Amino acid sequence: IFTAGLFVVGFDQGHVFSLVYGDQAFTD
């Protein structure tokens, strides 16, 4: 849970939502 939270807060640039929204998540 800590590692996932650290990724989301510190490094996510649309990667998590790209699983659902595709390339649009990297723009939004």
mmCIF file of all heavy atoms, coordinates in Angstrom:
data_MODEL
# 
_entry.id   MODEL 
# 
loop_
_atom_site.group_PDB 
_atom_site.id 
_atom_site.type_symbol 
_atom_site.label_atom_id 
_atom_site.label_alt_id 
_atom_site.label_comp_id 
_atom_site.label_asym_id 
_atom_site.label_entity_id 
_atom_site.label_seq_id 
_atom_site.pdbx_PDB_ins_code 
_atom_site.Cartn_x 
_atom_site.Cartn_y 
_atom_site.Cartn_z 
_atom_site.occupancy 
_atom_site.B_iso_or_equiv 
_atom_site.pdbx_formal_charge 
_atom_site.auth_seq_id 
_atom_site.auth_comp_id 
_atom_site.auth_asym_id 
_atom_site.auth_atom_id 
_atom_site.pdbx_PDB_model_num 
ATOM 1   N N   . ILE A 1 1  ? 0.836   -1.203 0.000   1.00 0.00 ? 1  ILE A N   1 
ATOM 2   C CA  . ILE A 1 1  ? 0.000   0.000  0.000   1.00 0.00 ? 1  ILE A CA  1 
ATOM 3   C C   . ILE A 1 1  ? 0.872   1.255  0.000   1.00 0.00 ? 1  ILE A C   1 
ATOM 4   O O   . ILE A 1 1  ? 0.602   2.220  -0.729  1.00 0.00 ? 1  ILE A O   1 
ATOM 5   C CB  . ILE A 1 1  ? -0.963  -0.004 1.210   1.00 0.00 ? 1  ILE A CB  1 
ATOM 6   C CG1 . ILE A 1 1  ? -2.011  -1.111 1.021   1.00 0.00 ? 1  ILE A CG1 1 
ATOM 7   C CG2 . ILE A 1 1  ? -1.620  1.346  1.398   1.00 0.00 ? 1  ILE A CG2 1 
ATOM 8   C CD1 . ILE A 1 1  ? -2.835  -1.379 2.255   1.00 0.00 ? 1  ILE A CD1 1 
ATOM 9   N N   . PHE A 1 2  ? 1.936   1.253  0.790   1.00 0.00 ? 2  PHE A N   1 
ATOM 10  C CA  . PHE A 1 2  ? 2.847   2.405  0.837   1.00 0.00 ? 2  PHE A CA  1 
ATOM 11  C C   . PHE A 1 2  ? 3.513   2.628  -0.513  1.00 0.00 ? 2  PHE A C   1 
ATOM 12  O O   . PHE A 1 2  ? 3.583   3.760  -1.000  1.00 0.00 ? 2  PHE A O   1 
ATOM 13  C CB  . PHE A 1 2  ? 3.904   2.186  1.921   1.00 0.00 ? 2  PHE A CB  1 
ATOM 14  C CG  . PHE A 1 2  ? 4.958   3.251  1.938   1.00 0.00 ? 2  PHE A CG  1 
ATOM 15  C CD1 . PHE A 1 2  ? 4.696   4.489  2.497   1.00 0.00 ? 2  PHE A CD1 1 
ATOM 16  C CD2 . PHE A 1 2  ? 6.206   3.020  1.381   1.00 0.00 ? 2  PHE A CD2 1 
ATOM 17  C CE1 . PHE A 1 2  ? 5.667   5.485  2.502   1.00 0.00 ? 2  PHE A CE1 1 
ATOM 18  C CE2 . PHE A 1 2  ? 7.175   3.999  1.383   1.00 0.00 ? 2  PHE A CE2 1 
ATOM 19  C CZ  . PHE A 1 2  ? 6.904   5.240  1.937   1.00 0.00 ? 2  PHE A CZ  1 
ATOM 20  N N   . THR A 1 3  ? 3.984   1.553  -1.138  1.00 0.00 ? 3  THR A N   1 
ATOM 21  C CA  . THR A 1 3  ? 4.651   1.670  -2.427  1.00 0.00 ? 3  THR A CA  1 
ATOM 22  C C   . THR A 1 3  ? 3.696   2.179  -3.501  1.00 0.00 ? 3  THR A C   1 
ATOM 23  O O   . THR A 1 3  ? 4.061   3.047  -4.308  1.00 0.00 ? 3  THR A O   1 
ATOM 24  C CB  . THR A 1 3  ? 5.251   0.311  -2.854  1.00 0.00 ? 3  THR A CB  1 
ATOM 25  O OG1 . THR A 1 3  ? 6.127   -0.147 -1.814  1.00 0.00 ? 3  THR A OG1 1 
ATOM 26  C CG2 . THR A 1 3  ? 6.018   0.422  -4.141  1.00 0.00 ? 3  THR A CG2 1 
ATOM 27  N N   . ALA A 1 4  ? 2.480   1.663  -3.513  1.00 0.00 ? 4  ALA A N   1 
ATOM 28  C CA  . ALA A 1 4  ? 1.489   2.125  -4.485  1.00 0.00 ? 4  ALA A CA  1 
ATOM 29  C C   . ALA A 1 4  ? 1.149   3.599  -4.247  1.00 0.00 ? 4  ALA A C   1 
ATOM 30  O O   . ALA A 1 4  ? 1.042   4.377  -5.197  1.00 0.00 ? 4  ALA A O   1 
ATOM 31  C CB  . ALA A 1 4  ? 0.229   1.270  -4.410  1.00 0.00 ? 4  ALA A CB  1 
ATOM 32  N N   . GLY A 1 5  ? 0.994   3.991  -2.997  1.00 0.00 ? 5  GLY A N   1 
ATOM 33  C CA  . GLY A 1 5  ? 0.702   5.383  -2.684  1.00 0.00 ? 5  GLY A CA  1 
ATOM 34  C C   . GLY A 1 5  ? 1.841   6.309  -3.057  1.00 0.00 ? 5  GLY A C   1 
ATOM 35  O O   . GLY A 1 5  ? 1.624   7.414  -3.570  1.00 0.00 ? 5  GLY A O   1 
ATOM 36  N N   . LEU A 1 6  ? 3.067   5.865  -2.825  1.00 0.00 ? 6  LEU A N   1 
ATOM 37  C CA  . LEU A 1 6  ? 4.233   6.663  -3.199  1.00 0.00 ? 6  LEU A CA  1 
ATOM 38  C C   . LEU A 1 6  ? 4.304   6.850  -4.709  1.00 0.00 ? 6  LEU A C   1 
ATOM 39  O O   . LEU A 1 6  ? 4.602   7.939  -5.198  1.00 0.00 ? 6  LEU A O   1 
ATOM 40  C CB  . LEU A 1 6  ? 5.508   5.993  -2.689  1.00 0.00 ? 6  LEU A CB  1 
ATOM 41  C CG  . LEU A 1 6  ? 6.808   6.739  -2.931  1.00 0.00 ? 6  LEU A CG  1 
ATOM 42  C CD1 . LEU A 1 6  ? 6.817   8.035  -2.130  1.00 0.00 ? 6  LEU A CD1 1 
ATOM 43  C CD2 . LEU A 1 6  ? 7.988   5.869  -2.550  1.00 0.00 ? 6  LEU A CD2 1 
ATOM 44  N N   . PHE A 1 7  ? 3.988   5.801  -5.453  1.00 0.00 ? 7  PHE A N   1 
ATOM 45  C CA  . PHE A 1 7  ? 3.979   5.916  -6.913  1.00 0.00 ? 7  PHE A CA  1 
ATOM 46  C C   . PHE A 1 7  ? 2.916   6.907  -7.374  1.00 0.00 ? 7  PHE A C   1 
ATOM 47  O O   . PHE A 1 7  ? 3.189   7.768  -8.215  1.00 0.00 ? 7  PHE A O   1 
ATOM 48  C CB  . PHE A 1 7  ? 3.729   4.548  -7.560  1.00 0.00 ? 7  PHE A CB  1 
ATOM 49  C CG  . PHE A 1 7  ? 3.532   4.639  -9.044  1.00 0.00 ? 7  PHE A CG  1 
ATOM 50  C CD1 . PHE A 1 7  ? 4.610   4.829  -9.883  1.00 0.00 ? 7  PHE A CD1 1 
ATOM 51  C CD2 . PHE A 1 7  ? 2.260   4.577  -9.588  1.00 0.00 ? 7  PHE A CD2 1 
ATOM 52  C CE1 . PHE A 1 7  ? 4.435   4.941  -11.248 1.00 0.00 ? 7  PHE A CE1 1 
ATOM 53  C CE2 . PHE A 1 7  ? 2.072   4.682  -10.945 1.00 0.00 ? 7  PHE A CE2 1 
ATOM 54  C CZ  . PHE A 1 7  ? 3.162   4.864  -11.785 1.00 0.00 ? 7  PHE A CZ  1 
ATOM 55  N N   . VAL A 1 8  ? 1.720   6.786  -6.819  1.00 0.00 ? 8  VAL A N   1 
ATOM 56  C CA  . VAL A 1 8  ? 0.624   7.663  -7.246  1.00 0.00 ? 8  VAL A CA  1 
ATOM 57  C C   . VAL A 1 8  ? 0.936   9.115  -6.922  1.00 0.00 ? 8  VAL A C   1 
ATOM 58  O O   . VAL A 1 8  ? 0.766   10.004 -7.757  1.00 0.00 ? 8  VAL A O   1 
ATOM 59  C CB  . VAL A 1 8  ? -0.711  7.224  -6.601  1.00 0.00 ? 8  VAL A CB  1 
ATOM 60  C CG1 . VAL A 1 8  ? -1.776  8.283  -6.782  1.00 0.00 ? 8  VAL A CG1 1 
ATOM 61  C CG2 . VAL A 1 8  ? -1.167  5.911  -7.194  1.00 0.00 ? 8  VAL A CG2 1 
ATOM 62  N N   . VAL A 1 9  ? 1.423   9.379  -5.719  1.00 0.00 ? 9  VAL A N   1 
ATOM 63  C CA  . VAL A 1 9  ? 1.691   10.756 -5.322  1.00 0.00 ? 9  VAL A CA  1 
ATOM 64  C C   . VAL A 1 9  ? 2.931   11.302 -6.019  1.00 0.00 ? 9  VAL A C   1 
ATOM 65  O O   . VAL A 1 9  ? 2.945   12.434 -6.483  1.00 0.00 ? 9  VAL A O   1 
ATOM 66  C CB  . VAL A 1 9  ? 1.852   10.861 -3.786  1.00 0.00 ? 9  VAL A CB  1 
ATOM 67  C CG1 . VAL A 1 9  ? 2.355   12.228 -3.385  1.00 0.00 ? 9  VAL A CG1 1 
ATOM 68  C CG2 . VAL A 1 9  ? 0.537   10.572 -3.105  1.00 0.00 ? 9  VAL A CG2 1 
ATOM 69  N N   . GLY A 1 10 ? 3.972   10.505 -6.111  1.00 0.00 ? 10 GLY A N   1 
ATOM 70  C CA  . GLY A 1 10 ? 5.231   11.031 -6.585  1.00 0.00 ? 10 GLY A CA  1 
ATOM 71  C C   . GLY A 1 10 ? 5.524   10.898 -8.055  1.00 0.00 ? 10 GLY A C   1 
ATOM 72  O O   . GLY A 1 10 ? 6.216   11.748 -8.621  1.00 0.00 ? 10 GLY A O   1 
ATOM 73  N N   . PHE A 1 11 ? 5.036   9.864  -8.695  1.00 0.00 ? 11 PHE A N   1 
ATOM 74  C CA  . PHE A 1 11 ? 5.515   9.587  -10.035 1.00 0.00 ? 11 PHE A CA  1 
ATOM 75  C C   . PHE A 1 11 ? 4.443   9.427  -11.109 1.00 0.00 ? 11 PHE A C   1 
ATOM 76  O O   . PHE A 1 11 ? 4.780   9.387  -12.291 1.00 0.00 ? 11 PHE A O   1 
ATOM 77  C CB  . PHE A 1 11 ? 6.375   8.317  -10.020 1.00 0.00 ? 11 PHE A CB  1 
ATOM 78  C CG  . PHE A 1 11 ? 7.555   8.431  -9.105  1.00 0.00 ? 11 PHE A CG  1 
ATOM 79  C CD1 . PHE A 1 11 ? 7.570   7.761  -7.899  1.00 0.00 ? 11 PHE A CD1 1 
ATOM 80  C CD2 . PHE A 1 11 ? 8.637   9.228  -9.436  1.00 0.00 ? 11 PHE A CD2 1 
ATOM 81  C CE1 . PHE A 1 11 ? 8.653   7.870  -7.046  1.00 0.00 ? 11 PHE A CE1 1 
ATOM 82  C CE2 . PHE A 1 11 ? 9.720   9.337  -8.593  1.00 0.00 ? 11 PHE A CE2 1 
ATOM 83  C CZ  . PHE A 1 11 ? 9.731   8.656  -7.394  1.00 0.00 ? 11 PHE A CZ  1 
ATOM 84  N N   . ASP A 1 12 ? 3.195   9.312  -10.736 1.00 0.00 ? 12 ASP A N   1 
ATOM 85  C CA  . ASP A 1 12 ? 2.165   9.044  -11.739 1.00 0.00 ? 12 ASP A CA  1 
ATOM 86  C C   . ASP A 1 12 ? 1.958   10.243 -12.656 1.00 0.00 ? 12 ASP A C   1 
ATOM 87  O O   . ASP A 1 12 ? 1.769   11.363 -12.202 1.00 0.00 ? 12 ASP A O   1 
ATOM 88  C CB  . ASP A 1 12 ? 0.834   8.691  -11.073 1.00 0.00 ? 12 ASP A CB  1 
ATOM 89  C CG  . ASP A 1 12 ? -0.218  8.371  -12.103 1.00 0.00 ? 12 ASP A CG  1 
ATOM 90  O OD1 . ASP A 1 12 ? -0.039  7.380  -12.812 1.00 0.00 ? 12 ASP A OD1 1 
ATOM 91  O OD2 . ASP A 1 12 ? -1.202  9.119  -12.194 1.00 0.00 ? 12 ASP A OD2 1 
ATOM 92  N N   . GLN A 1 13 ? 2.030   9.997  -13.939 1.00 0.00 ? 13 GLN A N   1 
ATOM 93  C CA  . GLN A 1 13 ? 1.771   11.019 -14.944 1.00 0.00 ? 13 GLN A CA  1 
ATOM 94  C C   . GLN A 1 13 ? 0.701   10.522 -15.913 1.00 0.00 ? 13 GLN A C   1 
ATOM 95  O O   . GLN A 1 13 ? 0.793   10.734 -17.112 1.00 0.00 ? 13 GLN A O   1 
ATOM 96  C CB  . GLN A 1 13 ? 3.060   11.340 -15.706 1.00 0.00 ? 13 GLN A CB  1 
ATOM 97  C CG  . GLN A 1 13 ? 4.135   11.968 -14.873 1.00 0.00 ? 13 GLN A CG  1 
ATOM 98  C CD  . GLN A 1 13 ? 3.805   13.393 -14.476 1.00 0.00 ? 13 GLN A CD  1 
ATOM 99  O OE1 . GLN A 1 13 ? 3.092   14.102 -15.174 1.00 0.00 ? 13 GLN A OE1 1 
ATOM 100 N NE2 . GLN A 1 13 ? 4.299   13.802 -13.337 1.00 0.00 ? 13 GLN A NE2 1 
ATOM 101 N N   . GLY A 1 14 ? -0.294  9.822  -15.378 1.00 0.00 ? 14 GLY A N   1 
ATOM 102 C CA  . GLY A 1 14 ? -1.363  9.296  -16.200 1.00 0.00 ? 14 GLY A CA  1 
ATOM 103 C C   . GLY A 1 14 ? -1.302  7.787  -16.362 1.00 0.00 ? 14 GLY A C   1 
ATOM 104 O O   . GLY A 1 14 ? -2.151  7.194  -17.017 1.00 0.00 ? 14 GLY A O   1 
ATOM 105 N N   . HIS A 1 15 ? -0.322  7.141  -15.752 1.00 0.00 ? 15 HIS A N   1 
ATOM 106 C CA  . HIS A 1 15 ? -0.141  5.706  -15.925 1.00 0.00 ? 15 HIS A CA  1 
ATOM 107 C C   . HIS A 1 15 ? -1.292  4.883  -15.351 1.00 0.00 ? 15 HIS A C   1 
ATOM 108 O O   . HIS A 1 15 ? -1.711  3.904  -15.956 1.00 0.00 ? 15 HIS A O   1 
ATOM 109 C CB  . HIS A 1 15 ? 1.172   5.259  -15.284 1.00 0.00 ? 15 HIS A CB  1 
ATOM 110 C CG  . HIS A 1 15 ? 2.367   5.909  -15.890 1.00 0.00 ? 15 HIS A CG  1 
ATOM 111 N ND1 . HIS A 1 15 ? 2.893   7.068  -15.367 1.00 0.00 ? 15 HIS A ND1 1 
ATOM 112 C CD2 . HIS A 1 15 ? 3.121   5.586  -16.960 1.00 0.00 ? 15 HIS A CD2 1 
ATOM 113 C CE1 . HIS A 1 15 ? 3.926   7.418  -16.093 1.00 0.00 ? 15 HIS A CE1 1 
ATOM 114 N NE2 . HIS A 1 15 ? 4.089   6.541  -17.076 1.00 0.00 ? 15 HIS A NE2 1 
ATOM 115 N N   . VAL A 1 16 ? -1.780  5.263  -14.183 1.00 0.00 ? 16 VAL A N   1 
ATOM 116 C CA  . VAL A 1 16 ? -2.826  4.478  -13.523 1.00 0.00 ? 16 VAL A CA  1 
ATOM 117 C C   . VAL A 1 16 ? -4.117  4.514  -14.335 1.00 0.00 ? 16 VAL A C   1 
ATOM 118 O O   . VAL A 1 16 ? -4.708  3.475  -14.619 1.00 0.00 ? 16 VAL A O   1 
ATOM 119 C CB  . VAL A 1 16 ? -3.067  4.984  -12.081 1.00 0.00 ? 16 VAL A CB  1 
ATOM 120 C CG1 . VAL A 1 16 ? -4.234  4.265  -11.450 1.00 0.00 ? 16 VAL A CG1 1 
ATOM 121 C CG2 . VAL A 1 16 ? -1.810  4.794  -11.240 1.00 0.00 ? 16 VAL A CG2 1 
ATOM 122 N N   . PHE A 1 17 ? -4.555  5.696  -14.727 1.00 0.00 ? 17 PHE A N   1 
ATOM 123 C CA  . PHE A 1 17 ? -5.801  5.805  -15.475 1.00 0.00 ? 17 PHE A CA  1 
ATOM 124 C C   . PHE A 1 17 ? -5.649  5.401  -16.937 1.00 0.00 ? 17 PHE A C   1 
ATOM 125 O O   . PHE A 1 17 ? -6.639  5.234  -17.642 1.00 0.00 ? 17 PHE A O   1 
ATOM 126 C CB  . PHE A 1 17 ? -6.381  7.209  -15.381 1.00 0.00 ? 17 PHE A CB  1 
ATOM 127 C CG  . PHE A 1 17 ? -7.127  7.470  -14.101 1.00 0.00 ? 17 PHE A CG  1 
ATOM 128 C CD1 . PHE A 1 17 ? -7.239  8.751  -13.602 1.00 0.00 ? 17 PHE A CD1 1 
ATOM 129 C CD2 . PHE A 1 17 ? -7.722  6.444  -13.391 1.00 0.00 ? 17 PHE A CD2 1 
ATOM 130 C CE1 . PHE A 1 17 ? -7.933  8.996  -12.431 1.00 0.00 ? 17 PHE A CE1 1 
ATOM 131 C CE2 . PHE A 1 17 ? -8.411  6.680  -12.221 1.00 0.00 ? 17 PHE A CE2 1 
ATOM 132 C CZ  . PHE A 1 17 ? -8.515  7.953  -11.742 1.00 0.00 ? 17 PHE A CZ  1 
ATOM 133 N N   . SER A 1 18 ? -4.416  5.259  -17.418 1.00 0.00 ? 18 SER A N   1 
ATOM 134 C CA  . SER A 1 18 ? -4.242  4.848  -18.812 1.00 0.00 ? 18 SER A CA  1 
ATOM 135 C C   . SER A 1 18 ? -4.734  3.422  -19.039 1.00 0.00 ? 18 SER A C   1 
ATOM 136 O O   . SER A 1 18 ? -5.032  3.050  -20.164 1.00 0.00 ? 18 SER A O   1 
ATOM 137 C CB  . SER A 1 18 ? -2.779  4.958  -19.235 1.00 0.00 ? 18 SER A CB  1 
ATOM 138 O OG  . SER A 1 18 ? -1.995  3.964  -18.602 1.00 0.00 ? 18 SER A OG  1 
ATOM 139 N N   . LEU A 1 19 ? -4.847  2.652  -17.968 1.00 0.00 ? 19 LEU A N   1 
ATOM 140 C CA  . LEU A 1 19 ? -5.392  1.309  -18.083 1.00 0.00 ? 19 LEU A CA  1 
ATOM 141 C C   . LEU A 1 19 ? -6.857  1.341  -18.501 1.00 0.00 ? 19 LEU A C   1 
ATOM 142 O O   . LEU A 1 19 ? -7.348  0.425  -19.152 1.00 0.00 ? 19 LEU A O   1 
ATOM 143 C CB  . LEU A 1 19 ? -5.243  0.554  -16.765 1.00 0.00 ? 19 LEU A CB  1 
ATOM 144 C CG  . LEU A 1 19 ? -3.811  0.381  -16.252 1.00 0.00 ? 19 LEU A CG  1 
ATOM 145 C CD1 . LEU A 1 19 ? -3.821  -0.184 -14.854 1.00 0.00 ? 19 LEU A CD1 1 
ATOM 146 C CD2 . LEU A 1 19 ? -3.020  -0.491 -17.190 1.00 0.00 ? 19 LEU A CD2 1 
ATOM 147 N N   . VAL A 1 20 ? -7.553  2.411  -18.117 1.00 0.00 ? 20 VAL A N   1 
ATOM 148 C CA  . VAL A 1 20 ? -8.978  2.545  -18.420 1.00 0.00 ? 20 VAL A CA  1 
ATOM 149 C C   . VAL A 1 20 ? -9.219  3.504  -19.590 1.00 0.00 ? 20 VAL A C   1 
ATOM 150 O O   . VAL A 1 20 ? -9.962  3.187  -20.508 1.00 0.00 ? 20 VAL A O   1 
ATOM 151 C CB  . VAL A 1 20 ? -9.749  3.041  -17.173 1.00 0.00 ? 20 VAL A CB  1 
ATOM 152 C CG1 . VAL A 1 20 ? -11.214 3.219  -17.489 1.00 0.00 ? 20 VAL A CG1 1 
ATOM 153 C CG2 . VAL A 1 20 ? -9.552  2.095  -16.010 1.00 0.00 ? 20 VAL A CG2 1 
ATOM 154 N N   . TYR A 1 21 ? -8.554  4.683  -19.545 1.00 0.00 ? 21 TYR A N   1 
ATOM 155 C CA  . TYR A 1 21 ? -8.830  5.730  -20.527 1.00 0.00 ? 21 TYR A CA  1 
ATOM 156 C C   . TYR A 1 21 ? -7.892  5.727  -21.730 1.00 0.00 ? 21 TYR A C   1 
ATOM 157 O O   . TYR A 1 21 ? -8.098  6.497  -22.663 1.00 0.00 ? 21 TYR A O   1 
ATOM 158 C CB  . TYR A 1 21 ? -8.759  7.106  -19.862 1.00 0.00 ? 21 TYR A CB  1 
ATOM 159 C CG  . TYR A 1 21 ? -9.837  7.335  -18.843 1.00 0.00 ? 21 TYR A CG  1 
ATOM 160 C CD1 . TYR A 1 21 ? -9.535  7.550  -17.513 1.00 0.00 ? 21 TYR A CD1 1 
ATOM 161 C CD2 . TYR A 1 21 ? -11.171 7.347  -19.216 1.00 0.00 ? 21 TYR A CD2 1 
ATOM 162 C CE1 . TYR A 1 21 ? -10.520 7.749  -16.575 1.00 0.00 ? 21 TYR A CE1 1 
ATOM 163 C CE2 . TYR A 1 21 ? -12.173 7.556  -18.282 1.00 0.00 ? 21 TYR A CE2 1 
ATOM 164 C CZ  . TYR A 1 21 ? -11.837 7.756  -16.968 1.00 0.00 ? 21 TYR A CZ  1 
ATOM 165 O OH  . TYR A 1 21 ? -12.813 7.957  -16.050 1.00 0.00 ? 21 TYR A OH  1 
ATOM 166 N N   . GLY A 1 22 ? -6.850  4.935  -21.689 1.00 0.00 ? 22 GLY A N   1 
ATOM 167 C CA  . GLY A 1 22 ? -5.911  4.891  -22.813 1.00 0.00 ? 22 GLY A CA  1 
ATOM 168 C C   . GLY A 1 22 ? -5.010  6.109  -22.828 1.00 0.00 ? 22 GLY A C   1 
ATOM 169 O O   . GLY A 1 22 ? -4.666  6.674  -21.794 1.00 0.00 ? 22 GLY A O   1 
ATOM 170 N N   . ASP A 1 23 ? -4.641  6.552  -24.035 1.00 0.00 ? 23 ASP A N   1 
ATOM 171 C CA  . ASP A 1 23 ? -3.697  7.663  -24.182 1.00 0.00 ? 23 ASP A CA  1 
ATOM 172 C C   . ASP A 1 23 ? -4.256  8.994  -23.684 1.00 0.00 ? 23 ASP A C   1 
ATOM 173 O O   . ASP A 1 23 ? -3.488  9.905  -23.362 1.00 0.00 ? 23 ASP A O   1 
ATOM 174 C CB  . ASP A 1 23 ? -3.280  7.811  -25.645 1.00 0.00 ? 23 ASP A CB  1 
ATOM 175 C CG  . ASP A 1 23 ? -2.368  6.668  -26.082 1.00 0.00 ? 23 ASP A CG  1 
ATOM 176 O OD1 . ASP A 1 23 ? -1.721  6.076  -25.203 1.00 0.00 ? 23 ASP A OD1 1 
ATOM 177 O OD2 . ASP A 1 23 ? -2.318  6.385  -27.288 1.00 0.00 ? 23 ASP A OD2 1 
ATOM 178 N N   . GLN A 1 24 ? -5.562  9.119  -23.599 1.00 0.00 ? 24 GLN A N   1 
ATOM 179 C CA  . GLN A 1 24 ? -6.174  10.362 -23.107 1.00 0.00 ? 24 GLN A CA  1 
ATOM 180 C C   . GLN A 1 24 ? -5.786  10.641 -21.658 1.00 0.00 ? 24 GLN A C   1 
ATOM 181 O O   . GLN A 1 24 ? -5.701  11.789 -21.243 1.00 0.00 ? 24 GLN A O   1 
ATOM 182 C CB  . GLN A 1 24 ? -7.702  10.292 -23.245 1.00 0.00 ? 24 GLN A CB  1 
ATOM 183 C CG  . GLN A 1 24 ? -8.415  11.569 -22.888 1.00 0.00 ? 24 GLN A CG  1 
ATOM 184 C CD  . GLN A 1 24 ? -8.051  12.728 -23.804 1.00 0.00 ? 24 GLN A CD  1 
ATOM 185 O OE1 . GLN A 1 24 ? -7.770  12.541 -24.981 1.00 0.00 ? 24 GLN A OE1 1 
ATOM 186 N NE2 . GLN A 1 24 ? -8.038  13.930 -23.258 1.00 0.00 ? 24 GLN A NE2 1 
ATOM 187 N N   . ALA A 1 25 ? -5.501  9.615  -20.883 1.00 0.00 ? 25 ALA A N   1 
ATOM 188 C CA  . ALA A 1 25 ? -5.134  9.794  -19.477 1.00 0.00 ? 25 ALA A CA  1 
ATOM 189 C C   . ALA A 1 25 ? -3.809  10.540 -19.336 1.00 0.00 ? 25 ALA A C   1 
ATOM 190 O O   . ALA A 1 25 ? -3.612  11.270 -18.368 1.00 0.00 ? 25 ALA A O   1 
ATOM 191 C CB  . ALA A 1 25 ? -5.033  8.437  -18.780 1.00 0.00 ? 25 ALA A CB  1 
ATOM 192 N N   . PHE A 1 26 ? -2.908  10.386 -20.294 1.00 0.00 ? 26 PHE A N   1 
ATOM 193 C CA  . PHE A 1 26 ? -1.628  11.100 -20.243 1.00 0.00 ? 26 PHE A CA  1 
ATOM 194 C C   . PHE A 1 26 ? -1.802  12.585 -20.536 1.00 0.00 ? 26 PHE A C   1 
ATOM 195 O O   . PHE A 1 26 ? -0.973  13.397 -20.157 1.00 0.00 ? 26 PHE A O   1 
ATOM 196 C CB  . PHE A 1 26 ? -0.630  10.480 -21.223 1.00 0.00 ? 26 PHE A CB  1 
ATOM 197 C CG  . PHE A 1 26 ? -0.234  9.072  -20.856 1.00 0.00 ? 26 PHE A CG  1 
ATOM 198 C CD1 . PHE A 1 26 ? -0.720  7.999  -21.578 1.00 0.00 ? 26 PHE A CD1 1 
ATOM 199 C CD2 . PHE A 1 26 ? 0.602   8.830  -19.783 1.00 0.00 ? 26 PHE A CD2 1 
ATOM 200 C CE1 . PHE A 1 26 ? -0.361  6.709  -21.249 1.00 0.00 ? 26 PHE A CE1 1 
ATOM 201 C CE2 . PHE A 1 26 ? 0.956   7.541  -19.432 1.00 0.00 ? 26 PHE A CE2 1 
ATOM 202 C CZ  . PHE A 1 26 ? 0.480   6.481  -20.167 1.00 0.00 ? 26 PHE A CZ  1 
ATOM 203 N N   . THR A 1 27 ? -2.886  12.950 -21.182 1.00 0.00 ? 27 THR A N   1 
ATOM 204 C CA  . THR A 1 27 ? -3.184  14.352 -21.451 1.00 0.00 ? 27 THR A CA  1 
ATOM 205 C C   . THR A 1 27 ? -3.933  14.989 -20.288 1.00 0.00 ? 27 THR A C   1 
ATOM 206 O O   . THR A 1 27 ? -3.647  16.115 -19.893 1.00 0.00 ? 27 THR A O   1 
ATOM 207 C CB  . THR A 1 27 ? -4.035  14.476 -22.736 1.00 0.00 ? 27 THR A CB  1 
ATOM 208 O OG1 . THR A 1 27 ? -3.352  13.827 -23.801 1.00 0.00 ? 27 THR A OG1 1 
ATOM 209 C CG2 . THR A 1 27 ? -4.279  15.925 -23.090 1.00 0.00 ? 27 THR A CG2 1 
ATOM 210 N N   . ASP A 1 28 ? -4.893  14.251 -19.709 1.00 0.00 ? 28 ASP A N   1 
ATOM 211 C CA  . ASP A 1 28 ? -5.743  14.810 -18.653 1.00 0.00 ? 28 ASP A CA  1 
ATOM 212 C C   . ASP A 1 28 ? -5.036  14.881 -17.299 1.00 0.00 ? 28 ASP A C   1 
ATOM 213 O O   . ASP A 1 28 ? -5.260  15.824 -16.547 1.00 0.00 ? 28 ASP A O   1 
ATOM 214 C CB  . ASP A 1 28 ? -7.020  13.996 -18.516 1.00 0.00 ? 28 ASP A CB  1 
ATOM 215 C CG  . ASP A 1 28 ? -7.888  14.106 -19.755 1.00 0.00 ? 28 ASP A CG  1 
ATOM 216 O OD1 . ASP A 1 28 ? -7.734  15.090 -20.506 1.00 0.00 ? 28 ASP A OD1 1 
ATOM 217 O OD2 . ASP A 1 28 ? -8.716  13.202 -19.966 1.00 0.00 ? 28 ASP A OD2 1 
# 
